[in-house]
Amino acid sequence: MDQAAGGRGWREDAGEPALSDVHGSIRVRRHGPGWRKALSFIGPGYLVAVGYMDPGNWATSLAGGSQFGYTLLFVVLTSSLMAMLLQALAARLAIATGRDLARACRDSYPRPVTIALWLLAEIAIVATDIAEVIGTAIGIQLVFGIPLEAGVLITALDVFLVLMLQKLGFRWIEAFVIALTAIIGTCFGIQLFLAQPDWAGVGLGFLPSGGIVQNPEMLYIAIGIIGATVMPHNLYLHSGILQTRQLPEDTAGKREALRYSTLDSTVALSFALLVNAAILILAAAAFHAHGKTDVAELGDAHTLLAPLLGSALAPVLFGVALLCSGLNSTTTATLAGQIVMEGFVRLKVRPWVRRLATRALAIVPAALVALWYGEKGTAELLILSQVVLSLQLPFAIFPLVFFTASRDKMGALAAPRWVTLAALSIAVLITGLNVKLVADVLSGAGG
């Protein structure tokens, strides 16, 4: 066995991979100019980046910008840098071992531990799907004027969209996600042009400020931004979809694949950083600058954009971007769900069965809340879904850090010690902040 593959530290040999129908289906260039090799790896990073600009992230950025102007841009930047390192570790695990994170857990831990981790991951997938149902339904309402309750039910139709894309091939899924991501970026670019932010203030916002830790309300939203940054399903997702590539077996080839896949995810997450920063900048320029400091709900933001920016185009673009964000997140959550189920317990079900089951578990609470409580209730359910994700985070992030630090498991591609220490510090920080956020939400603190 090649040294890069490791193998000595696993309880079981790697079995059939998750997403076996598309495993190794995309050819990777081993010769030619570097840019052609890099093209082979473009795609997975953008599927991962979707999780960093899904509807669950919008509320924290809107609240941060409307309440505190540009100050929390530093937090958006810092949290994105943390995410880049952790996603690079997920790529390292996939390339070095041929395992996704779920399968790595299955091959390392006793079965009772594996089952527990699987159930926690499934809960996180449902929580993610709830956020996507709500975001997509609000987007449908804003763009087409369809009532929220009906929009929640319409989201069930995305099952057929995902299935169609899977049948066409994995590159079609990547192209679909990249296209929607480009639409989101374009929508916010136009809105920023209409909002005419204070660019000097924007620049200063990317610098650290003592007020972030001194102001309890600002700290609370900062924790929310960081806590929503690393989604547990993204770590499973990235380590799984990278294996759609025909990854090399030799050490040199694996190192090259790691370099290009890390470049892909870093560039994609940089774009996600720009989108999240744009949401905060838009909120600061459109709301905070006009004295509207209490805007946190997506519907409120949409309603206020037209009168404040003086253009009917701005709210339409906001709704389109939100709808695209919801559709994007739906696609990636479906894939993450398959990877989690197949990786942890070797349970294979037809994609449409898996998708319908997960979506049903998400639609039922979202529909009931929308029916009885309206938009305010869905906003609270959105927050609750992020709390559930926060609780699951340590059970995904710490195994990843420990696996990639092990030379027995990773061989020559074990993470350098400084990378492990940095990732472990980030893991402890994010987990600690998530615990505080959960405690504050449950106690009613922090606004």
Protein backbone atom coordinates (compact mmCIF):
# COMPACT_ATOMS: atom_id res chain seq x y z
CA MET A 1 0.00 0.00 0.00
CA ASP A 2 1.25 3.45 -0.84
CA GLN A 3 2.45 5.33 2.22
CA ALA A 4 0.09 8.20 1.51
CA ALA A 5 -2.90 5.96 1.92
CA GLY A 6 -2.18 5.09 5.52
CA GLY A 7 -4.40 2.22 6.53
CA ARG A 8 -2.75 0.88 9.69
CA GLY A 9 -4.93 2.88 12.06
CA TRP A 10 -8.37 1.73 10.87
CA ARG A 11 -10.51 -0.92 12.56
CA GLU A 12 -11.97 -1.96 9.20
CA ASP A 13 -10.90 -1.81 5.59
CA ALA A 14 -12.56 0.78 3.39
CA GLY A 15 -15.62 -0.76 1.81
CA GLU A 16 -17.91 0.47 -0.94
CA PRO A 17 -17.83 4.28 -1.01
CA ALA A 18 -20.81 6.57 -0.55
CA LEU A 19 -22.35 7.95 -3.76
CA SER A 20 -20.98 4.86 -5.50
CA ASP A 21 -22.89 5.65 -8.70
CA VAL A 22 -20.74 8.76 -9.25
CA HIS A 23 -17.59 7.63 -7.41
CA GLY A 24 -14.54 8.27 -9.59
CA SER A 25 -16.77 9.34 -12.47
CA ILE A 26 -14.87 12.56 -13.23
CA ARG A 27 -11.51 12.22 -14.93
CA VAL A 28 -8.57 14.07 -13.39
CA ARG A 29 -5.79 15.29 -15.64
CA ARG A 30 -2.34 14.10 -14.59
CA HIS A 31 -0.42 15.83 -17.37
CA GLY A 32 -0.48 19.21 -19.05
CA PRO A 33 -0.51 22.78 -17.74
CA GLY A 34 -1.49 23.41 -14.14
CA TRP A 35 -4.63 25.36 -15.02
CA ARG A 36 -6.06 22.37 -16.91
CA LYS A 37 -5.35 20.12 -13.92
CA ALA A 38 -7.01 22.65 -11.63
CA LEU A 39 -10.16 22.64 -13.80
CA SER A 40 -10.63 18.96 -12.97
CA PHE A 41 -11.11 19.85 -9.32
CA ILE A 42 -13.35 22.90 -9.70
CA GLY A 43 -16.82 22.16 -8.37
CA PRO A 44 -16.80 20.47 -4.94
CA GLY A 45 -15.66 23.68 -3.26
CA TYR A 46 -18.72 25.54 -4.56
CA LEU A 47 -21.08 22.84 -3.29
CA VAL A 48 -19.43 23.27 0.11
CA ALA A 49 -19.54 27.09 -0.11
CA VAL A 50 -23.33 26.93 -0.47
CA GLY A 51 -23.56 25.96 3.19
CA TYR A 52 -21.80 29.18 4.16
CA MET A 53 -24.36 31.41 2.48
CA ASP A 54 -27.56 29.47 3.08
CA PRO A 55 -30.70 31.12 4.53
CA GLY A 56 -29.55 30.29 8.04
CA ASN A 57 -26.56 32.63 7.63
CA TRP A 58 -28.57 35.56 6.33
CA ALA A 59 -30.27 36.48 9.61
CA THR A 60 -27.03 36.97 11.54
CA SER A 61 -25.51 39.12 8.80
CA LEU A 62 -28.68 41.20 8.48
CA ALA A 63 -28.86 41.72 12.23
CA GLY A 64 -25.16 42.54 12.48
CA GLY A 65 -25.24 45.10 9.69
CA SER A 66 -28.46 46.79 10.72
CA GLN A 67 -27.47 47.10 14.40
CA PHE A 68 -23.75 47.81 14.24
CA GLY A 69 -22.98 48.98 10.73
CA TYR A 70 -19.76 47.64 9.24
CA THR A 71 -18.05 46.70 12.53
CA LEU A 72 -18.73 42.96 12.38
CA LEU A 73 -17.15 42.51 8.94
CA PHE A 74 -14.01 41.49 10.86
CA VAL A 75 -15.96 38.59 12.37
CA VAL A 76 -17.25 37.54 8.93
CA LEU A 77 -13.68 37.52 7.63
CA THR A 78 -12.23 35.64 10.61
CA SER A 79 -14.94 32.97 10.61
CA SER A 80 -14.45 32.42 6.87
CA LEU A 81 -10.71 31.88 7.35
CA MET A 82 -11.48 29.31 10.04
CA ALA A 83 -13.84 27.52 7.67
CA MET A 84 -11.22 27.41 4.91
CA LEU A 85 -8.79 25.53 7.15
CA LEU A 86 -11.35 23.00 8.36
CA GLN A 87 -12.66 22.30 4.85
CA ALA A 88 -9.08 21.80 3.69
CA LEU A 89 -8.78 19.11 6.36
CA ALA A 90 -11.93 17.42 5.05
CA ALA A 91 -10.35 17.35 1.59
CA ARG A 92 -7.11 15.99 3.06
CA LEU A 93 -8.99 13.12 4.73
CA ALA A 94 -10.77 12.16 1.50
CA ILE A 95 -7.68 12.24 -0.69
CA ALA A 96 -5.31 10.52 1.75
CA THR A 97 -7.61 7.70 2.87
CA GLY A 98 -10.33 7.32 0.24
CA ARG A 99 -12.86 7.72 3.03
CA ASP A 100 -15.45 10.37 3.72
CA LEU A 101 -15.77 11.59 7.30
CA ALA A 102 -18.78 9.37 8.04
CA ARG A 103 -17.00 6.24 6.82
CA ALA A 104 -13.85 7.24 8.69
CA CYS A 105 -15.89 7.34 11.90
CA ARG A 106 -17.43 3.95 11.11
CA ASP A 107 -14.00 2.44 10.47
CA SER A 108 -12.50 3.90 13.65
CA TYR A 109 -15.08 3.66 16.43
CA PRO A 110 -17.09 0.83 18.02
CA ARG A 111 -20.54 0.29 16.51
CA PRO A 112 -22.52 1.89 19.39
CA VAL A 113 -20.45 5.07 18.99
CA THR A 114 -20.93 4.97 15.22
CA ILE A 115 -24.71 4.61 15.59
CA ALA A 116 -24.82 7.53 18.02
CA LEU A 117 -22.78 9.72 15.67
CA TRP A 118 -25.03 8.71 12.78
CA LEU A 119 -28.21 9.68 14.62
CA LEU A 120 -26.70 13.04 15.60
CA ALA A 121 -25.67 13.65 12.00
CA GLU A 122 -29.16 12.79 10.75
CA ILE A 123 -30.67 15.27 13.20
CA ALA A 124 -28.27 17.90 11.85
CA ILE A 125 -29.33 17.10 8.27
CA VAL A 126 -33.00 17.58 9.18
CA ALA A 127 -32.14 20.86 10.95
CA THR A 128 -30.30 22.00 7.84
CA ASP A 129 -33.28 21.06 5.69
CA ILE A 130 -35.66 23.02 7.92
CA ALA A 131 -33.59 26.15 7.31
CA GLU A 132 -33.67 25.49 3.58
CA VAL A 133 -37.43 24.88 3.54
CA ILE A 134 -38.04 28.15 5.36
CA GLY A 135 -35.59 30.14 3.24
CA THR A 136 -36.89 28.75 -0.04
CA ALA A 137 -40.52 29.31 1.01
CA ILE A 138 -39.81 32.92 1.96
CA GLY A 139 -37.98 33.37 -1.35
CA ILE A 140 -41.01 31.99 -3.24
CA GLN A 141 -43.25 34.35 -1.30
CA LEU A 142 -41.07 37.38 -2.00
CA VAL A 143 -40.60 36.68 -5.72
CA PHE A 144 -43.99 35.24 -6.71
CA GLY A 145 -46.30 36.45 -3.95
CA ILE A 146 -47.30 32.89 -3.03
CA PRO A 147 -48.40 32.52 0.63
CA LEU A 148 -45.76 31.17 2.98
CA GLU A 149 -47.76 28.03 3.85
CA ALA A 150 -48.10 27.08 0.17
CA GLY A 151 -44.44 27.90 -0.45
CA VAL A 152 -43.40 25.41 2.23
CA LEU A 153 -45.33 22.66 0.43
CA ILE A 154 -43.94 23.68 -2.97
CA THR A 155 -40.42 23.06 -1.68
CA ALA A 156 -41.20 19.33 -1.84
CA LEU A 157 -40.95 19.59 -5.65
CA ASP A 158 -37.20 20.15 -5.45
CA VAL A 159 -36.92 16.38 -4.97
CA PHE A 160 -37.46 15.96 -8.70
CA LEU A 161 -34.94 18.69 -9.53
CA VAL A 162 -32.20 16.99 -7.54
CA LEU A 163 -33.03 13.57 -9.01
CA MET A 164 -32.91 14.93 -12.55
CA LEU A 165 -29.50 16.48 -11.97
CA GLN A 166 -28.14 13.28 -10.44
CA LYS A 167 -29.24 11.30 -13.49
CA LEU A 168 -27.51 13.73 -15.84
CA GLY A 169 -24.19 13.37 -14.01
CA PHE A 170 -22.33 14.97 -11.16
CA ARG A 171 -20.84 17.73 -13.31
CA TRP A 172 -24.41 18.92 -13.98
CA ILE A 173 -25.02 19.23 -10.25
CA GLU A 174 -21.83 21.27 -9.91
CA ALA A 175 -22.77 23.47 -12.87
CA PHE A 176 -26.25 24.06 -11.42
CA VAL A 177 -24.83 25.10 -8.05
CA ILE A 178 -22.18 27.35 -9.58
CA ALA A 179 -24.79 29.03 -11.79
CA LEU A 180 -27.11 29.74 -8.85
CA THR A 181 -24.14 30.98 -6.81
CA ALA A 182 -23.25 33.38 -9.61
CA ILE A 183 -26.85 34.68 -9.64
CA ILE A 184 -26.69 35.27 -5.88
CA GLY A 185 -23.43 37.18 -6.25
CA THR A 186 -24.81 39.26 -9.12
CA CYS A 187 -27.97 40.14 -7.18
CA PHE A 188 -25.99 41.41 -4.22
CA GLY A 189 -23.53 43.23 -6.45
CA ILE A 190 -26.39 45.23 -7.99
CA GLN A 191 -27.93 45.89 -4.57
CA LEU A 192 -24.62 47.19 -3.23
CA PHE A 193 -24.39 49.51 -6.22
CA LEU A 194 -27.86 50.85 -5.41
CA ALA A 195 -27.08 51.14 -1.69
CA GLN A 196 -23.83 53.09 -2.24
CA PRO A 197 -22.13 52.05 1.01
CA ASP A 198 -19.38 54.01 2.73
CA TRP A 199 -16.42 52.10 1.33
CA ALA A 200 -14.01 53.68 3.78
CA GLY A 201 -16.24 52.37 6.58
CA VAL A 202 -16.30 48.98 4.89
CA GLY A 203 -12.51 48.87 4.89
CA LEU A 204 -12.36 49.77 8.58
CA GLY A 205 -14.96 47.11 9.31
CA PHE A 206 -12.53 44.38 8.28
CA LEU A 207 -10.13 45.51 11.04
CA PRO A 208 -10.52 44.21 14.63
CA SER A 209 -12.47 46.34 17.07
CA GLY A 210 -12.47 46.21 20.85
CA GLY A 211 -16.16 47.02 20.83
CA ILE A 212 -16.93 43.50 19.61
CA VAL A 213 -16.03 41.99 22.98
CA GLN A 214 -16.93 45.02 25.10
CA ASN A 215 -20.51 45.36 23.85
CA PRO A 216 -22.59 42.34 25.00
CA GLU A 217 -25.16 42.72 22.21
CA MET A 218 -22.45 42.98 19.57
CA LEU A 219 -20.65 39.97 21.04
CA TYR A 220 -23.87 37.96 20.90
CA ILE A 221 -24.32 38.58 17.17
CA ALA A 222 -20.59 37.98 16.58
CA ILE A 223 -20.96 34.59 18.24
CA GLY A 224 -23.97 33.92 16.03
CA ILE A 225 -21.95 34.70 12.89
CA ILE A 226 -19.08 32.43 13.94
CA GLY A 227 -21.42 29.73 15.18
CA ALA A 228 -23.23 29.59 11.84
CA THR A 229 -19.99 29.43 9.88
CA VAL A 230 -18.93 25.78 10.02
CA MET A 231 -21.88 23.52 9.32
CA PRO A 232 -21.31 19.89 10.34
CA HIS A 233 -22.89 18.52 7.17
CA ASN A 234 -20.34 20.42 5.09
CA LEU A 235 -17.49 18.38 6.55
CA TYR A 236 -19.24 15.14 5.58
CA LEU A 237 -20.21 16.59 2.22
CA HIS A 238 -16.76 17.79 1.17
CA SER A 239 -14.99 14.57 2.12
CA GLY A 240 -17.57 12.61 0.12
CA ILE A 241 -18.03 14.55 -3.10
CA LEU A 242 -14.29 14.95 -3.67
CA GLN A 243 -14.27 11.24 -4.40
CA THR A 244 -16.29 11.82 -7.55
CA ARG A 245 -12.83 12.51 -8.98
CA GLN A 246 -10.54 9.72 -10.19
CA LEU A 247 -8.03 10.36 -7.43
CA PRO A 248 -4.48 9.10 -7.93
CA GLU A 249 -2.98 6.34 -5.77
CA ASP A 250 0.64 7.51 -5.53
CA THR A 251 1.92 9.98 -2.96
CA ALA A 252 2.95 12.65 -5.48
CA GLY A 253 -0.40 12.47 -7.22
CA LYS A 254 -2.29 12.71 -3.95
CA ARG A 255 -0.29 15.76 -2.91
CA GLU A 256 -1.10 17.42 -6.22
CA ALA A 257 -4.79 16.53 -5.87
CA LEU A 258 -4.78 17.97 -2.35
CA ARG A 259 -3.24 21.19 -3.60
CA TYR A 260 -5.83 21.69 -6.34
CA SER A 261 -8.81 20.66 -4.21
CA THR A 262 -7.70 23.03 -1.45
CA LEU A 263 -7.41 25.79 -4.04
CA ASP A 264 -10.93 25.01 -5.25
CA SER A 265 -12.49 25.16 -1.79
CA THR A 266 -10.51 28.24 -0.75
CA VAL A 267 -11.56 30.22 -3.84
CA ALA A 268 -15.17 29.09 -3.44
CA LEU A 269 -15.24 29.98 0.25
CA SER A 270 -13.70 33.35 -0.60
CA PHE A 271 -16.72 33.94 -2.83
CA ALA A 272 -18.99 32.89 0.04
CA LEU A 273 -17.13 35.40 2.21
CA LEU A 274 -17.91 38.12 -0.32
CA VAL A 275 -21.60 37.18 -0.35
CA ASN A 276 -21.88 37.15 3.45
CA ALA A 277 -19.96 40.43 3.63
CA ALA A 278 -22.29 41.86 0.97
CA ILE A 279 -25.36 40.95 3.04
CA LEU A 280 -23.89 42.70 6.07
CA ILE A 281 -22.73 45.71 4.03
CA LEU A 282 -26.16 46.01 2.40
CA ALA A 283 -27.83 45.92 5.82
CA ALA A 284 -25.42 48.53 7.15
CA ALA A 285 -25.85 50.88 4.17
CA ALA A 286 -29.61 50.43 3.69
CA PHE A 287 -30.79 50.06 7.28
CA HIS A 288 -28.21 51.16 9.87
CA ALA A 289 -27.41 54.35 7.96
CA HIS A 290 -31.12 55.23 7.94
CA GLY A 291 -31.71 54.50 11.62
CA LYS A 292 -33.31 51.08 11.03
CA THR A 293 -31.30 49.11 13.60
CA ASP A 294 -33.71 46.27 14.37
CA VAL A 295 -33.92 44.49 11.00
CA ALA A 296 -33.19 40.78 11.36
CA GLU A 297 -36.04 38.95 9.60
CA LEU A 298 -35.79 38.23 5.89
CA GLY A 299 -39.29 39.52 5.10
CA ASP A 300 -38.66 42.81 6.89
CA ALA A 301 -35.44 43.36 4.95
CA HIS A 302 -37.21 42.75 1.64
CA THR A 303 -40.01 45.18 2.50
CA LEU A 304 -37.70 48.00 3.55
CA LEU A 305 -35.24 47.84 0.66
CA ALA A 306 -37.41 49.61 -1.93
CA PRO A 307 -38.27 52.76 0.05
CA LEU A 308 -34.78 53.09 1.51
CA LEU A 309 -32.85 52.54 -1.73
CA GLY A 310 -35.36 54.25 -3.98
CA SER A 311 -35.61 51.35 -6.41
CA ALA A 312 -38.22 48.61 -6.84
CA LEU A 313 -35.45 46.40 -8.24
CA ALA A 314 -33.63 45.95 -4.91
CA PRO A 315 -36.27 43.85 -3.11
CA VAL A 316 -36.81 41.71 -6.21
CA LEU A 317 -33.08 40.96 -6.35
CA PHE A 318 -33.09 40.18 -2.63
CA GLY A 319 -35.94 37.67 -3.11
CA VAL A 320 -34.27 36.06 -6.14
CA ALA A 321 -30.99 35.68 -4.25
CA LEU A 322 -32.80 34.10 -1.30
CA LEU A 323 -34.68 31.67 -3.55
CA CYS A 324 -31.45 30.66 -5.30
CA SER A 325 -29.79 30.22 -1.92
CA GLY A 326 -32.54 27.88 -0.78
CA LEU A 327 -32.44 25.80 -3.98
CA ASN A 328 -28.66 25.58 -3.78
CA SER A 329 -28.70 24.42 -0.18
CA THR A 330 -31.35 21.82 -0.97
CA THR A 331 -29.10 20.19 -3.57
CA THR A 332 -26.10 19.94 -1.28
CA ALA A 333 -28.12 18.75 1.74
CA THR A 334 -29.44 15.86 -0.35
CA LEU A 335 -25.90 14.75 -1.16
CA ALA A 336 -24.76 15.18 2.44
CA GLY A 337 -27.67 13.05 3.60
CA GLN A 338 -26.69 10.21 1.27
CA ILE A 339 -23.05 10.38 2.38
CA VAL A 340 -24.00 10.32 6.07
CA MET A 341 -26.40 7.37 5.74
CA GLU A 342 -24.18 5.26 3.50
CA GLY A 343 -20.97 6.16 5.31
CA PHE A 344 -22.04 5.54 8.91
CA VAL A 345 -24.23 2.45 8.58
CA ARG A 346 -23.79 1.19 5.00
CA LEU A 347 -27.52 1.78 4.51
CA LYS A 348 -28.35 2.34 0.87
CA VAL A 349 -31.76 3.58 -0.20
CA ARG A 350 -32.94 5.04 -3.46
CA PRO A 351 -32.11 8.78 -3.64
CA TRP A 352 -35.77 9.78 -4.06
CA VAL A 353 -36.76 7.78 -0.95
CA ARG A 354 -33.99 9.37 1.06
CA ARG A 355 -34.88 12.82 -0.19
CA LEU A 356 -38.62 12.48 0.41
CA ALA A 357 -38.07 11.17 3.95
CA THR A 358 -35.71 14.01 4.90
CA ARG A 359 -37.84 16.67 3.27
CA ALA A 360 -41.00 15.35 4.96
CA LEU A 361 -39.31 15.60 8.36
CA ALA A 362 -38.43 19.22 7.55
CA ILE A 363 -41.70 20.27 5.89
CA VAL A 364 -44.01 19.10 8.68
CA PRO A 365 -42.67 21.39 11.44
CA ALA A 366 -42.09 24.26 8.98
CA ALA A 367 -45.66 23.98 7.62
CA LEU A 368 -47.22 23.80 11.07
CA VAL A 369 -45.28 26.81 12.32
CA ALA A 370 -46.03 28.81 9.15
CA LEU A 371 -49.72 27.96 9.44
CA TRP A 372 -50.11 28.87 13.12
CA TYR A 373 -47.55 31.59 13.70
CA GLY A 374 -46.72 33.07 10.29
CA GLU A 375 -43.41 34.70 9.43
CA LYS A 376 -42.41 35.43 13.02
CA GLY A 377 -42.75 31.75 13.87
CA THR A 378 -40.65 30.67 10.91
CA ALA A 379 -37.93 33.12 11.96
CA GLU A 380 -37.84 31.51 15.39
CA LEU A 381 -37.77 28.03 13.84
CA LEU A 382 -34.86 29.16 11.68
CA ILE A 383 -32.95 30.15 14.81
CA LEU A 384 -33.79 26.83 16.46
CA SER A 385 -32.43 24.92 13.48
CA GLN A 386 -29.11 26.74 13.85
CA VAL A 387 -29.02 25.86 17.55
CA VAL A 388 -29.46 22.17 16.69
CA LEU A 389 -26.61 22.40 14.19
CA SER A 390 -24.44 24.03 16.84
CA LEU A 391 -25.05 21.16 19.23
CA GLN A 392 -23.99 18.60 16.62
CA LEU A 393 -20.85 20.44 15.52
CA PRO A 394 -18.33 18.97 18.03
CA PHE A 395 -19.25 15.43 16.97
CA ALA A 396 -18.12 16.16 13.41
CA ILE A 397 -15.27 18.60 13.85
CA PHE A 398 -13.17 16.85 16.52
CA PRO A 399 -13.04 13.44 14.76
CA LEU A 400 -11.93 15.22 11.59
CA VAL A 401 -9.07 16.99 13.39
CA PHE A 402 -7.95 13.80 15.15
CA PHE A 403 -8.13 11.63 12.01
CA THR A 404 -6.10 14.02 9.89
CA ALA A 405 -3.47 14.36 12.63
CA SER A 406 -2.88 10.59 12.74
CA ARG A 407 0.02 9.33 10.66
CA ASP A 408 -1.25 5.77 11.11
CA LYS A 409 -4.49 6.72 9.38
CA MET A 410 -3.22 9.33 6.92
CA GLY A 411 0.24 8.07 6.05
CA ALA A 412 2.48 10.67 4.42
CA LEU A 413 -0.45 13.08 4.07
CA ALA A 414 -1.03 13.49 7.81
CA ALA A 415 -1.61 17.17 8.58
CA PRO A 416 1.46 19.12 9.73
CA ARG A 417 1.51 19.71 13.48
CA TRP A 418 0.94 23.46 13.14
CA VAL A 419 -2.14 22.82 11.00
CA THR A 420 -3.50 20.38 13.59
CA LEU A 421 -2.87 22.82 16.43
CA ALA A 422 -4.52 25.64 14.50
CA ALA A 423 -7.51 23.44 13.59
CA LEU A 424 -7.84 22.17 17.16
CA SER A 425 -7.78 25.73 18.48
CA ILE A 426 -10.46 26.70 15.97
CA ALA A 427 -12.51 23.64 16.90
CA VAL A 428 -12.35 24.48 20.61
CA LEU A 429 -13.17 28.14 19.94
CA ILE A 430 -16.11 27.49 17.62
CA THR A 431 -17.49 24.77 19.88
CA GLY A 432 -17.16 26.99 22.95
CA LEU A 433 -18.88 29.88 21.19
CA ASN A 434 -21.62 27.58 19.96
CA VAL A 435 -22.21 26.28 23.47
CA LYS A 436 -22.48 29.87 24.71
CA LEU A 437 -24.85 30.75 21.87
CA VAL A 438 -27.05 27.77 22.65
CA ALA A 439 -27.07 28.62 26.35
CA ASP A 440 -27.97 32.25 25.59
CA VAL A 441 -30.78 31.26 23.23
CA LEU A 442 -32.23 28.77 25.71
CA SER A 443 -32.05 31.31 28.53
CA GLY A 444 -33.44 34.12 26.39
CA ALA A 445 -30.26 36.22 26.68
CA GLY A 446 -28.60 38.22 23.95
CA GLY A 447 -31.79 39.78 22.59
